[in-house]
């Protein structure tokens, strides 16, 4: 039995993974900046 993925489906999966990674990086940077800002405020 040969199992394969159509090009269209593979492209859709890669696109979804790319967009998800972009969203996660933006969210992580926002959280990191919030943590750094909080640390700077408490240090004063």
C-alpha atoms as a PDB file:
ATOM      1  CA  UNK A   1       0.000   0.000   0.000  1.00  0.00           C
ATOM      2  CA  UNK A   2       1.486   3.306  -1.066  1.00  0.00           C
ATOM      3  CA  UNK A   3       0.671   6.292   1.094  1.00  0.00           C
ATOM      4  CA  UNK A   4       1.550   9.733  -0.161  1.00  0.00           C
ATOM      5  CA  UNK A   5       0.463  13.306   0.382  1.00  0.00           C
ATOM      6  CA  UNK A   6      -0.749  15.437  -2.464  1.00  0.00           C
ATOM      7  CA  UNK A   7       1.330  18.534  -3.151  1.00  0.00           C
ATOM      8  CA  UNK A   8      -1.609  20.820  -2.365  1.00  0.00           C
ATOM      9  CA  UNK A   9      -2.104  19.200   1.056  1.00  0.00           C
ATOM     10  CA  UNK A  10       1.611  19.333   1.840  1.00  0.00           C
ATOM     11  CA  UNK A  11       1.782  22.985   0.868  1.00  0.00           C
ATOM     12  CA  UNK A  12      -1.228  23.755   3.071  1.00  0.00           C
ATOM     13  CA  UNK A  13       0.382  21.977   6.052  1.00  0.00           C
ATOM     14  CA  UNK A  14       3.674  23.835   5.583  1.00  0.00           C
ATOM     15  CA  UNK A  15       1.855  27.159   5.292  1.00  0.00           C
ATOM     16  CA  UNK A  16      -0.111  26.489   8.474  1.00  0.00           C
ATOM     17  CA  UNK A  17       3.057  25.492  10.333  1.00  0.00           C
ATOM     18  CA  UNK A  18       4.835  28.645   9.155  1.00  0.00           C
ATOM     19  CA  UNK A  19       1.981  30.925  10.198  1.00  0.00           C
ATOM     20  CA  UNK A  20       1.701  29.193  13.568  1.00  0.00           C
ATOM     21  CA  UNK A  21       5.424  29.625  14.190  1.00  0.00           C
ATOM     22  CA  UNK A  22       5.207  33.337  13.328  1.00  0.00           C
ATOM     23  CA  UNK A  23       2.343  33.800  15.789  1.00  0.00           C
ATOM     24  CA  UNK A  24       4.235  31.916  18.511  1.00  0.00           C
ATOM     25  CA  UNK A  25       7.405  33.983  17.999  1.00  0.00           C
ATOM     26  CA  UNK A  26       5.440  37.246  18.204  1.00  0.00           C
ATOM     27  CA  UNK A  27       3.652  36.073  21.357  1.00  0.00           C
ATOM     28  CA  UNK A  28       6.899  34.931  22.985  1.00  0.00           C
ATOM     29  CA  UNK A  29       8.625  38.233  22.223  1.00  0.00           C
ATOM     30  CA  UNK A  30       5.682  40.148  23.673  1.00  0.00           C
ATOM     31  CA  UNK A  31       5.793  38.088  26.856  1.00  0.00           C
ATOM     32  CA  UNK A  32       9.565  38.497  27.066  1.00  0.00           C
ATOM     33  CA  UNK A  33       9.333  42.257  26.686  1.00  0.00           C
ATOM     34  CA  UNK A  34       6.632  42.408  29.372  1.00  0.00           C
ATOM     35  CA  UNK A  35       8.823  40.419  31.754  1.00  0.00           C
ATOM     36  CA  UNK A  36      11.855  42.648  31.097  1.00  0.00           C
ATOM     37  CA  UNK A  37       9.768  45.791  31.599  1.00  0.00           C
ATOM     38  CA  UNK A  38       8.425  44.434  34.895  1.00  0.00           C
ATOM     39  CA  UNK A  39      11.935  43.579  36.069  1.00  0.00           C
ATOM     40  CA  UNK A  40      13.145  47.075  35.238  1.00  0.00           C
ATOM     41  CA  UNK A  41      10.267  48.713  37.096  1.00  0.00           C
ATOM     42  CA  UNK A  42      10.814  46.631  40.238  1.00  0.00           C
ATOM     43  CA  UNK A  43      14.570  47.293  40.136  1.00  0.00           C
ATOM     44  CA  UNK A  44      14.166  51.040  40.542  1.00  0.00           C
END
